[in-house]
N, C-alpha and C. Protein backbone atom coordinates (compact mmCIF):
# COMPACT_ATOMS: atom_id res chain seq x y z
N MET A 1 -19.69 20.97 22.61
CA MET A 1 -20.31 21.18 21.30
C MET A 1 -20.07 19.96 20.44
N LYS A 2 -21.17 19.52 19.86
CA LYS A 2 -21.10 18.33 19.01
C LYS A 2 -20.72 18.69 17.60
N GLN A 3 -19.70 18.02 17.08
CA GLN A 3 -19.25 18.30 15.65
C GLN A 3 -20.29 17.59 14.68
N THR A 4 -20.50 18.22 13.60
CA THR A 4 -21.36 17.60 12.59
C THR A 4 -20.53 16.67 11.76
N GLU A 5 -21.18 15.63 11.38
CA GLU A 5 -20.46 14.63 10.47
C GLU A 5 -20.40 15.27 9.04
N PRO A 6 -19.22 14.97 8.42
CA PRO A 6 -19.07 15.50 7.06
C PRO A 6 -20.11 14.80 6.11
N SER A 7 -20.55 15.56 5.12
CA SER A 7 -21.47 15.07 4.21
C SER A 7 -20.85 14.00 3.28
N PRO A 8 -21.60 13.16 2.61
CA PRO A 8 -21.03 12.23 1.69
C PRO A 8 -20.16 12.90 0.62
N LEU A 9 -20.57 14.09 0.18
CA LEU A 9 -19.81 14.86 -0.82
C LEU A 9 -18.51 15.31 -0.27
N GLU A 10 -18.57 15.76 1.03
CA GLU A 10 -17.23 16.21 1.62
C GLU A 10 -16.30 15.07 1.80
N ASP A 11 -16.84 13.81 2.17
CA ASP A 11 -16.08 12.70 2.28
C ASP A 11 -15.39 12.29 0.95
N GLN A 12 -16.20 12.40 -0.11
CA GLN A 12 -15.69 12.14 -1.44
C GLN A 12 -14.59 13.14 -1.85
N LEU A 13 -14.80 14.37 -1.56
CA LEU A 13 -13.75 15.42 -1.89
C LEU A 13 -12.50 15.15 -1.18
N LYS A 14 -12.66 14.75 0.10
CA LYS A 14 -11.42 14.45 0.90
C LYS A 14 -10.75 13.19 0.35
N GLN A 15 -11.51 12.21 -0.09
CA GLN A 15 -10.85 11.01 -0.68
C GLN A 15 -10.12 11.45 -2.01
N VAL A 16 -10.66 12.29 -2.75
CA VAL A 16 -10.05 12.71 -4.01
C VAL A 16 -8.71 13.43 -3.60
N HIS A 17 -8.79 14.32 -2.62
CA HIS A 17 -7.62 15.03 -2.14
C HIS A 17 -6.52 14.01 -1.73
N ASP A 18 -6.97 12.89 -1.06
CA ASP A 18 -5.96 11.93 -0.59
C ASP A 18 -5.38 11.21 -1.78
N PHE A 19 -6.13 10.93 -2.90
CA PHE A 19 -5.56 10.31 -4.06
C PHE A 19 -4.53 11.18 -4.71
N ILE A 20 -4.81 12.52 -4.82
CA ILE A 20 -3.93 13.47 -5.38
C ILE A 20 -2.70 13.54 -4.54
N ALA A 21 -2.86 13.60 -3.25
CA ALA A 21 -1.67 13.69 -2.36
C ALA A 21 -0.80 12.49 -2.50
N ALA A 22 -1.41 11.31 -2.57
CA ALA A 22 -0.70 10.07 -2.80
C ALA A 22 0.11 10.10 -4.16
N ALA A 23 -0.57 10.51 -5.14
CA ALA A 23 0.11 10.64 -6.50
C ALA A 23 1.27 11.59 -6.41
N TYR A 24 1.05 12.72 -5.84
CA TYR A 24 2.05 13.77 -5.76
C TYR A 24 3.28 13.36 -4.93
N VAL A 25 3.00 12.87 -3.66
CA VAL A 25 4.13 12.51 -2.84
C VAL A 25 4.93 11.40 -3.42
N ASN A 26 4.32 10.35 -3.91
CA ASN A 26 5.01 9.23 -4.47
C ASN A 26 5.78 9.65 -5.78
N TYR A 27 5.16 10.55 -6.58
CA TYR A 27 5.78 11.01 -7.78
C TYR A 27 7.06 11.80 -7.36
N GLN A 28 6.95 12.64 -6.38
CA GLN A 28 8.11 13.46 -6.05
C GLN A 28 9.32 12.56 -5.58
N ILE A 29 9.01 11.54 -4.75
CA ILE A 29 10.02 10.62 -4.29
C ILE A 29 10.71 9.92 -5.46
N TRP A 30 9.80 9.42 -6.35
CA TRP A 30 10.28 8.72 -7.55
C TRP A 30 11.14 9.68 -8.43
N ARG A 31 10.71 10.93 -8.48
CA ARG A 31 11.44 11.91 -9.31
C ARG A 31 12.85 12.16 -8.75
N VAL A 32 12.99 12.20 -7.41
CA VAL A 32 14.25 12.41 -6.80
C VAL A 32 15.20 11.24 -7.17
N TYR A 33 14.65 10.02 -7.03
CA TYR A 33 15.39 8.84 -7.37
C TYR A 33 15.87 8.83 -8.85
N THR A 34 15.05 9.30 -9.71
CA THR A 34 15.42 9.26 -11.18
C THR A 34 16.28 10.45 -11.59
N GLU A 35 15.99 11.63 -11.15
CA GLU A 35 16.68 12.79 -11.52
C GLU A 35 18.03 12.87 -10.96
N HIS A 36 18.19 12.33 -9.74
CA HIS A 36 19.49 12.42 -9.00
C HIS A 36 20.19 11.11 -8.97
N ARG A 37 19.87 10.22 -9.90
CA ARG A 37 20.42 8.87 -9.86
C ARG A 37 21.96 8.84 -9.88
N MET A 38 22.59 9.64 -10.70
CA MET A 38 24.02 9.62 -10.75
C MET A 38 24.71 10.13 -9.48
N LYS A 39 24.06 11.17 -8.85
CA LYS A 39 24.62 11.75 -7.66
C LYS A 39 24.59 10.66 -6.50
N TYR A 40 23.57 9.86 -6.48
CA TYR A 40 23.42 8.91 -5.36
C TYR A 40 23.68 7.46 -5.83
N LEU A 41 24.38 7.28 -6.95
CA LEU A 41 24.54 5.92 -7.49
C LEU A 41 25.14 4.93 -6.57
N LYS A 42 26.15 5.37 -5.73
CA LYS A 42 26.79 4.41 -4.81
C LYS A 42 25.79 3.89 -3.77
N VAL A 43 24.94 4.80 -3.29
CA VAL A 43 23.96 4.45 -2.30
C VAL A 43 22.86 3.59 -2.89
N LEU A 44 22.41 3.95 -4.12
CA LEU A 44 21.42 3.13 -4.79
C LEU A 44 21.92 1.75 -5.05
N ARG A 45 23.18 1.60 -5.41
CA ARG A 45 23.76 0.29 -5.63
C ARG A 45 24.03 -0.43 -4.34
N ARG A 46 24.45 0.25 -3.30
CA ARG A 46 24.68 -0.38 -2.02
C ARG A 46 23.40 -1.05 -1.46
N TYR A 47 22.27 -0.33 -1.53
CA TYR A 47 20.98 -0.74 -1.05
C TYR A 47 20.09 -1.15 -2.21
N ASN A 48 20.64 -1.81 -3.19
CA ASN A 48 19.95 -2.05 -4.47
C ASN A 48 18.54 -2.64 -4.35
N SER A 49 18.40 -3.67 -3.57
CA SER A 49 17.12 -4.34 -3.45
C SER A 49 16.10 -3.41 -2.87
N PHE A 50 16.51 -2.58 -1.83
CA PHE A 50 15.49 -1.62 -1.32
C PHE A 50 15.11 -0.57 -2.28
N PHE A 51 16.14 0.08 -2.94
CA PHE A 51 15.80 1.20 -3.84
C PHE A 51 15.11 0.72 -5.12
N ARG A 52 15.44 -0.52 -5.56
CA ARG A 52 14.74 -1.04 -6.80
C ARG A 52 13.24 -1.17 -6.44
N ALA A 53 12.96 -1.81 -5.26
CA ALA A 53 11.59 -1.96 -4.93
C ALA A 53 10.90 -0.70 -4.62
N SER A 54 11.60 0.23 -3.97
CA SER A 54 11.03 1.58 -3.61
C SER A 54 10.73 2.36 -4.87
N LEU A 55 11.60 2.33 -5.84
CA LEU A 55 11.42 3.05 -7.13
C LEU A 55 10.16 2.56 -7.79
N GLN A 56 10.01 1.21 -7.90
CA GLN A 56 8.87 0.58 -8.52
C GLN A 56 7.59 0.93 -7.79
N ALA A 57 7.63 0.81 -6.45
CA ALA A 57 6.45 1.05 -5.64
C ALA A 57 5.94 2.48 -5.77
N HIS A 58 6.89 3.40 -5.68
CA HIS A 58 6.50 4.84 -5.73
C HIS A 58 5.87 5.22 -7.14
N PHE A 59 6.44 4.59 -8.14
CA PHE A 59 5.91 4.86 -9.48
C PHE A 59 4.55 4.23 -9.67
N ALA A 60 4.42 2.97 -9.22
CA ALA A 60 3.13 2.28 -9.28
C ALA A 60 2.01 3.05 -8.53
N VAL A 61 2.33 3.47 -7.33
CA VAL A 61 1.33 4.19 -6.55
C VAL A 61 0.88 5.52 -7.31
N THR A 62 1.88 6.16 -7.97
CA THR A 62 1.58 7.39 -8.69
C THR A 62 0.59 7.07 -9.84
N ILE A 63 0.91 6.04 -10.60
CA ILE A 63 0.03 5.65 -11.73
C ILE A 63 -1.32 5.25 -11.26
N ILE A 64 -1.35 4.41 -10.22
CA ILE A 64 -2.69 3.88 -9.72
C ILE A 64 -3.51 4.99 -9.10
N ALA A 65 -2.91 5.92 -8.35
CA ALA A 65 -3.63 7.03 -7.74
C ALA A 65 -4.20 7.91 -8.85
N LEU A 66 -3.39 8.20 -9.83
CA LEU A 66 -3.92 9.05 -10.98
C LEU A 66 -5.01 8.33 -11.74
N TYR A 67 -4.89 7.02 -11.88
CA TYR A 67 -5.95 6.27 -12.51
C TYR A 67 -7.26 6.39 -11.75
N ARG A 68 -7.21 6.25 -10.41
CA ARG A 68 -8.40 6.34 -9.58
C ARG A 68 -9.10 7.69 -9.74
N LEU A 69 -8.31 8.78 -9.95
CA LEU A 69 -8.88 10.08 -10.07
C LEU A 69 -9.76 10.27 -11.32
N TYR A 70 -9.45 9.50 -12.36
CA TYR A 70 -10.12 9.68 -13.63
C TYR A 70 -10.95 8.47 -14.07
N GLU A 71 -11.04 7.42 -13.22
CA GLU A 71 -11.80 6.27 -13.55
C GLU A 71 -13.24 6.60 -13.84
N THR A 72 -13.88 5.89 -14.76
CA THR A 72 -15.23 6.25 -15.12
C THR A 72 -16.29 5.27 -14.64
N GLN A 73 -15.89 4.31 -13.83
CA GLN A 73 -16.87 3.34 -13.28
C GLN A 73 -17.88 4.10 -12.43
N PRO A 74 -19.18 3.87 -12.61
CA PRO A 74 -20.20 4.66 -11.80
C PRO A 74 -20.15 4.48 -10.28
N ASP A 75 -19.52 3.41 -9.77
CA ASP A 75 -19.45 3.23 -8.29
C ASP A 75 -18.11 3.63 -7.72
N THR A 76 -17.36 4.52 -8.39
CA THR A 76 -16.11 5.01 -7.90
C THR A 76 -16.24 6.51 -7.50
N ILE A 77 -15.21 6.92 -6.78
CA ILE A 77 -15.05 8.34 -6.47
C ILE A 77 -13.98 8.85 -7.35
N SER A 78 -14.41 9.65 -8.27
CA SER A 78 -13.38 10.17 -9.27
C SER A 78 -14.00 11.46 -9.86
N PHE A 79 -13.10 12.17 -10.57
CA PHE A 79 -13.53 13.45 -11.20
C PHE A 79 -14.77 13.26 -12.19
N PRO A 80 -14.72 12.31 -13.06
CA PRO A 80 -15.85 12.23 -14.00
C PRO A 80 -17.18 11.99 -13.20
N ILE A 81 -17.08 11.26 -12.13
CA ILE A 81 -18.36 10.94 -11.35
C ILE A 81 -18.77 12.22 -10.58
N LEU A 82 -17.78 12.87 -9.93
CA LEU A 82 -18.13 14.12 -9.19
C LEU A 82 -18.74 15.15 -10.07
N ILE A 83 -18.06 15.37 -11.23
CA ILE A 83 -18.52 16.40 -12.19
C ILE A 83 -19.84 16.06 -12.78
N ARG A 84 -20.07 14.79 -13.02
CA ARG A 84 -21.35 14.38 -13.61
C ARG A 84 -22.56 14.86 -12.66
N ASP A 85 -22.30 14.86 -11.38
CA ASP A 85 -23.36 15.18 -10.35
C ASP A 85 -23.47 16.72 -10.10
N VAL A 86 -22.67 17.53 -10.72
CA VAL A 86 -22.71 19.02 -10.50
C VAL A 86 -23.99 19.49 -11.21
N SER A 87 -24.80 20.19 -10.50
CA SER A 87 -26.07 20.68 -11.04
C SER A 87 -25.96 22.08 -11.72
N ASP A 88 -25.04 22.93 -11.37
CA ASP A 88 -24.95 24.23 -11.88
C ASP A 88 -24.29 24.10 -13.32
N PRO A 89 -25.06 24.46 -14.34
CA PRO A 89 -24.56 24.31 -15.75
C PRO A 89 -23.28 25.02 -16.03
N ASN A 90 -23.11 26.26 -15.47
CA ASN A 90 -21.92 26.98 -15.74
C ASN A 90 -20.67 26.36 -15.12
N LEU A 91 -20.84 25.97 -13.86
CA LEU A 91 -19.75 25.26 -13.18
C LEU A 91 -19.42 23.97 -13.89
N ARG A 92 -20.46 23.19 -14.26
CA ARG A 92 -20.25 21.93 -14.91
C ARG A 92 -19.46 22.16 -16.18
N ALA A 93 -19.81 23.21 -16.97
CA ALA A 93 -19.10 23.49 -18.27
C ALA A 93 -17.68 23.80 -17.96
N HIS A 94 -17.35 24.60 -16.95
CA HIS A 94 -15.99 24.97 -16.62
C HIS A 94 -15.25 23.69 -16.23
N LEU A 95 -15.86 22.84 -15.39
CA LEU A 95 -15.20 21.63 -14.96
C LEU A 95 -14.93 20.69 -16.09
N ASP A 96 -15.93 20.54 -16.95
CA ASP A 96 -15.77 19.70 -18.19
C ASP A 96 -14.59 20.15 -19.05
N THR A 97 -14.41 21.51 -19.14
CA THR A 97 -13.33 22.05 -19.93
C THR A 97 -11.98 21.66 -19.32
N MET A 98 -11.89 21.70 -17.96
CA MET A 98 -10.72 21.34 -17.24
C MET A 98 -10.44 19.78 -17.37
N LEU A 99 -11.56 19.04 -17.30
CA LEU A 99 -11.45 17.59 -17.48
C LEU A 99 -10.93 17.23 -18.90
N ASP A 100 -11.46 17.95 -19.86
CA ASP A 100 -10.99 17.76 -21.27
C ASP A 100 -9.51 17.99 -21.39
N ALA A 101 -8.97 18.93 -20.67
CA ALA A 101 -7.58 19.25 -20.78
C ALA A 101 -6.72 18.11 -20.27
N ALA A 102 -7.27 17.26 -19.36
CA ALA A 102 -6.58 16.10 -18.86
C ALA A 102 -6.85 14.85 -19.63
N ARG A 103 -7.80 14.88 -20.65
CA ARG A 103 -8.27 13.71 -21.25
C ARG A 103 -7.15 12.80 -21.88
N LEU A 104 -6.25 13.43 -22.62
CA LEU A 104 -5.21 12.63 -23.31
C LEU A 104 -4.36 11.91 -22.30
N TRP A 105 -3.97 12.62 -21.26
CA TRP A 105 -3.03 11.99 -20.27
C TRP A 105 -3.73 11.04 -19.36
N ARG A 106 -5.05 11.32 -19.14
CA ARG A 106 -5.69 10.27 -18.25
C ARG A 106 -5.91 8.98 -19.15
N GLU A 107 -6.11 9.11 -20.35
CA GLU A 107 -6.23 7.88 -21.24
C GLU A 107 -4.89 7.13 -21.24
N LYS A 108 -3.74 7.80 -21.23
CA LYS A 108 -2.45 7.15 -21.23
C LYS A 108 -2.22 6.51 -19.87
N ILE A 109 -2.67 7.21 -18.81
CA ILE A 109 -2.54 6.63 -17.44
C ILE A 109 -3.38 5.33 -17.33
N THR A 110 -4.55 5.31 -17.96
CA THR A 110 -5.44 4.17 -17.94
C THR A 110 -4.77 2.99 -18.60
N ILE A 111 -4.18 3.27 -19.75
CA ILE A 111 -3.46 2.24 -20.56
C ILE A 111 -2.31 1.68 -19.68
N LEU A 112 -1.49 2.56 -19.11
CA LEU A 112 -0.40 2.11 -18.27
C LEU A 112 -0.87 1.33 -17.07
N ARG A 113 -1.90 1.77 -16.39
CA ARG A 113 -2.42 1.08 -15.25
C ARG A 113 -2.92 -0.27 -15.62
N ASN A 114 -3.63 -0.34 -16.73
CA ASN A 114 -4.19 -1.64 -17.13
C ASN A 114 -3.09 -2.59 -17.69
N GLU A 115 -2.25 -2.09 -18.51
CA GLU A 115 -1.32 -3.00 -19.24
C GLU A 115 -0.04 -3.26 -18.55
N VAL A 116 0.31 -2.35 -17.58
CA VAL A 116 1.58 -2.59 -16.88
C VAL A 116 1.37 -3.04 -15.45
N TYR A 117 0.35 -2.60 -14.77
CA TYR A 117 0.12 -2.93 -13.28
C TYR A 117 -1.11 -3.90 -13.07
N ALA A 118 -2.23 -3.66 -13.68
CA ALA A 118 -3.33 -4.40 -13.35
C ALA A 118 -3.49 -5.69 -14.16
N HIS A 119 -3.28 -5.60 -15.43
CA HIS A 119 -3.41 -6.77 -16.33
C HIS A 119 -2.21 -6.83 -17.21
N PRO A 120 -1.08 -7.16 -16.68
CA PRO A 120 0.23 -7.05 -17.47
C PRO A 120 0.21 -8.02 -18.65
N PHE A 121 0.60 -7.45 -19.78
CA PHE A 121 0.84 -8.25 -20.98
C PHE A 121 2.26 -8.66 -21.01
N ASP A 122 2.56 -9.48 -21.91
CA ASP A 122 3.98 -9.91 -22.09
C ASP A 122 4.74 -8.86 -22.90
N ARG A 123 5.02 -7.73 -22.33
CA ARG A 123 5.81 -6.73 -23.02
C ARG A 123 6.66 -5.94 -22.02
N ASN A 124 7.73 -5.31 -22.51
CA ASN A 124 8.60 -4.63 -21.74
C ASN A 124 7.96 -3.31 -21.17
N THR A 125 8.05 -3.06 -19.89
CA THR A 125 7.41 -1.95 -19.27
C THR A 125 7.97 -0.59 -19.77
N ILE A 126 9.27 -0.51 -19.94
CA ILE A 126 9.88 0.68 -20.43
C ILE A 126 9.42 0.99 -21.82
N GLU A 127 9.23 -0.05 -22.64
CA GLU A 127 8.73 0.14 -24.03
C GLU A 127 7.36 0.69 -24.00
N LYS A 128 6.50 0.21 -23.05
CA LYS A 128 5.12 0.61 -22.94
C LYS A 128 5.06 2.13 -22.56
N PHE A 129 5.91 2.55 -21.66
CA PHE A 129 5.98 3.95 -21.21
C PHE A 129 6.39 4.86 -22.43
N ALA A 130 7.37 4.37 -23.13
CA ALA A 130 7.87 5.09 -24.31
C ALA A 130 6.80 5.14 -25.35
N GLU A 131 6.16 4.05 -25.64
CA GLU A 131 5.03 4.01 -26.65
C GLU A 131 3.93 5.01 -26.26
N GLU A 132 3.63 5.17 -24.98
CA GLU A 132 2.60 6.08 -24.56
C GLU A 132 3.09 7.48 -24.40
N ASP A 133 4.41 7.67 -24.58
CA ASP A 133 4.97 9.04 -24.48
C ASP A 133 4.77 9.69 -23.09
N VAL A 134 4.90 8.91 -22.10
CA VAL A 134 4.77 9.46 -20.73
C VAL A 134 6.14 9.92 -20.26
N THR A 135 6.14 11.17 -19.79
CA THR A 135 7.37 11.80 -19.32
C THR A 135 7.09 12.32 -17.90
N LEU A 136 8.23 12.71 -17.23
CA LEU A 136 8.16 13.22 -15.86
C LEU A 136 7.30 14.48 -15.84
N ASN A 137 7.53 15.36 -16.85
CA ASN A 137 6.74 16.63 -16.88
C ASN A 137 5.28 16.43 -17.17
N LYS A 138 4.93 15.42 -18.01
CA LYS A 138 3.57 15.16 -18.29
C LYS A 138 2.86 14.58 -17.05
N LEU A 139 3.48 13.76 -16.30
CA LEU A 139 2.87 13.24 -15.09
C LEU A 139 2.66 14.43 -14.12
N ALA A 140 3.66 15.28 -13.99
CA ALA A 140 3.52 16.41 -13.12
C ALA A 140 2.37 17.32 -13.58
N SER A 141 2.23 17.52 -14.86
CA SER A 141 1.10 18.32 -15.35
C SER A 141 -0.26 17.71 -15.02
N LEU A 142 -0.39 16.41 -15.13
CA LEU A 142 -1.70 15.71 -14.77
C LEU A 142 -1.95 15.85 -13.30
N ILE A 143 -0.93 15.78 -12.48
CA ILE A 143 -1.09 16.01 -11.04
C ILE A 143 -1.52 17.49 -10.72
N ASP A 144 -0.96 18.43 -11.40
CA ASP A 144 -1.33 19.80 -11.26
C ASP A 144 -2.74 20.10 -11.73
N ILE A 145 -3.15 19.53 -12.87
CA ILE A 145 -4.49 19.62 -13.38
C ILE A 145 -5.51 19.07 -12.33
N SER A 146 -5.09 17.96 -11.77
CA SER A 146 -5.93 17.33 -10.71
C SER A 146 -6.16 18.20 -9.50
N LYS A 147 -5.06 18.83 -9.06
CA LYS A 147 -5.16 19.76 -7.96
C LYS A 147 -6.18 20.93 -8.29
N GLN A 148 -5.98 21.43 -9.43
CA GLN A 148 -6.86 22.54 -9.89
C GLN A 148 -8.26 22.14 -9.97
N LEU A 149 -8.53 21.00 -10.59
CA LEU A 149 -9.89 20.50 -10.64
C LEU A 149 -10.59 20.36 -9.35
N LEU A 150 -9.86 19.74 -8.36
CA LEU A 150 -10.41 19.57 -7.04
C LEU A 150 -10.67 20.91 -6.35
N ASN A 151 -9.75 21.78 -6.47
CA ASN A 151 -9.93 23.10 -5.86
C ASN A 151 -11.06 23.92 -6.53
N ALA A 152 -11.26 23.80 -7.80
CA ALA A 152 -12.34 24.42 -8.51
C ALA A 152 -13.63 23.91 -8.01
N ILE A 153 -13.77 22.59 -7.84
CA ILE A 153 -15.01 22.06 -7.26
C ILE A 153 -15.24 22.48 -5.81
N CYS A 154 -14.22 22.42 -5.07
CA CYS A 154 -14.36 22.78 -3.60
C CYS A 154 -14.67 24.24 -3.47
N HIS A 155 -14.07 25.09 -4.21
CA HIS A 155 -14.25 26.54 -4.09
C HIS A 155 -15.74 26.86 -4.56
N ALA A 156 -16.19 26.24 -5.62
CA ALA A 156 -17.50 26.51 -6.08
C ALA A 156 -18.60 26.04 -5.07
N LEU A 157 -18.37 24.92 -4.50
CA LEU A 157 -19.35 24.33 -3.57
C LEU A 157 -19.27 24.85 -2.09
N HIS A 158 -18.03 25.03 -1.64
CA HIS A 158 -17.84 25.34 -0.20
C HIS A 158 -16.99 26.63 0.08
N LYS A 159 -16.59 27.30 -1.00
CA LYS A 159 -15.81 28.54 -0.82
C LYS A 159 -14.51 28.22 -0.05
N ARG A 160 -14.00 27.06 -0.23
CA ARG A 160 -12.65 26.70 0.34
C ARG A 160 -11.87 25.83 -0.67
N THR A 161 -10.61 25.72 -0.31
CA THR A 161 -9.84 24.82 -1.21
C THR A 161 -8.90 24.03 -0.30
N PHE A 162 -8.26 22.97 -0.94
CA PHE A 162 -7.32 22.15 -0.28
C PHE A 162 -5.91 22.68 -0.47
N ALA A 163 -5.06 22.58 0.58
CA ALA A 163 -3.67 22.91 0.42
C ALA A 163 -2.91 21.66 0.04
N PHE A 164 -2.01 21.79 -0.86
CA PHE A 164 -1.15 20.63 -1.22
C PHE A 164 0.24 21.07 -0.89
N ASP A 165 0.58 21.00 0.40
CA ASP A 165 1.80 21.54 0.87
C ASP A 165 2.83 20.56 1.42
N ILE A 166 2.67 19.25 1.08
CA ILE A 166 3.60 18.28 1.49
C ILE A 166 4.42 17.89 0.29
N ASP A 167 5.72 18.16 0.49
CA ASP A 167 6.73 17.79 -0.61
C ASP A 167 7.87 17.02 0.03
N PRO A 168 7.97 15.71 -0.28
CA PRO A 168 8.98 14.87 0.35
C PRO A 168 10.36 15.01 -0.31
N SER A 169 10.51 15.82 -1.33
CA SER A 169 11.74 15.93 -2.06
C SER A 169 12.95 16.17 -1.17
N ASP A 170 12.86 17.23 -0.38
CA ASP A 170 13.95 17.59 0.50
C ASP A 170 14.29 16.49 1.51
N ASP A 171 13.30 15.81 2.09
CA ASP A 171 13.54 14.73 2.98
C ASP A 171 14.17 13.57 2.31
N THR A 172 13.72 13.24 1.11
CA THR A 172 14.27 12.12 0.33
C THR A 172 15.72 12.41 0.02
N GLN A 173 16.05 13.59 -0.41
CA GLN A 173 17.45 13.96 -0.71
C GLN A 173 18.28 13.93 0.60
N ALA A 174 17.74 14.38 1.70
CA ALA A 174 18.42 14.42 2.96
C ALA A 174 18.78 12.93 3.36
N LEU A 175 17.80 12.02 3.19
CA LEU A 175 18.03 10.62 3.51
C LEU A 175 19.10 10.11 2.60
N LEU A 176 19.11 10.34 1.35
CA LEU A 176 20.15 9.85 0.41
C LEU A 176 21.44 10.46 0.75
N ASP A 177 21.47 11.77 1.08
CA ASP A 177 22.75 12.39 1.52
C ASP A 177 23.34 11.73 2.82
N ALA A 178 22.43 11.42 3.76
CA ALA A 178 22.97 10.84 4.97
C ALA A 178 23.50 9.45 4.66
N LEU A 179 22.88 8.71 3.82
CA LEU A 179 23.39 7.41 3.44
C LEU A 179 24.71 7.58 2.64
N SER A 180 24.84 8.64 1.86
CA SER A 180 26.01 8.83 1.06
C SER A 180 27.21 9.05 1.88
N TYR A 181 27.13 9.75 3.05
CA TYR A 181 28.21 9.97 3.91
C TYR A 181 28.89 8.72 4.38
N ARG A 182 28.14 7.69 4.39
CA ARG A 182 28.66 6.39 4.95
C ARG A 182 29.58 5.70 3.91
N TYR A 183 29.46 6.14 2.59
CA TYR A 183 30.23 5.45 1.56
C TYR A 183 31.04 6.39 0.76
């Protein structure tokens, strides 16, 4: 039996899922590093160059993946572009309301992506995050809104949703615990 090729829309929805998954997984690893810093301080110091690079990389991927989800360039795969093409006026109104709920945070993510990662200015990164009032919980909220938006689109169009069931937190802590036993 020949499998049918996914439609361009299905491909786009899968790519959006992958952006969200990348943001979520990298955010969770970064969050373990930051929330449990004192518990694993000896390990983090022992492997300082690795964990410093890892911390920066996981956070950068989180910001860049979230940015991609809300980018407004017409040649991108993002929520504003997907929602723009929804023909059902009721569904589009519902999705626009959800997108509006994310507007403030996606604007902050855009600023961070542009000024910290893509086009860095001569300013302290920590100061920029503080200036934009970005917190762990606010990033988590934007990731959750993104999951809800994608699943609202998928359910309306295909009567299915994506599962977001990968959480690297336990594995990250187990790795840090294993390294801790050595010191």
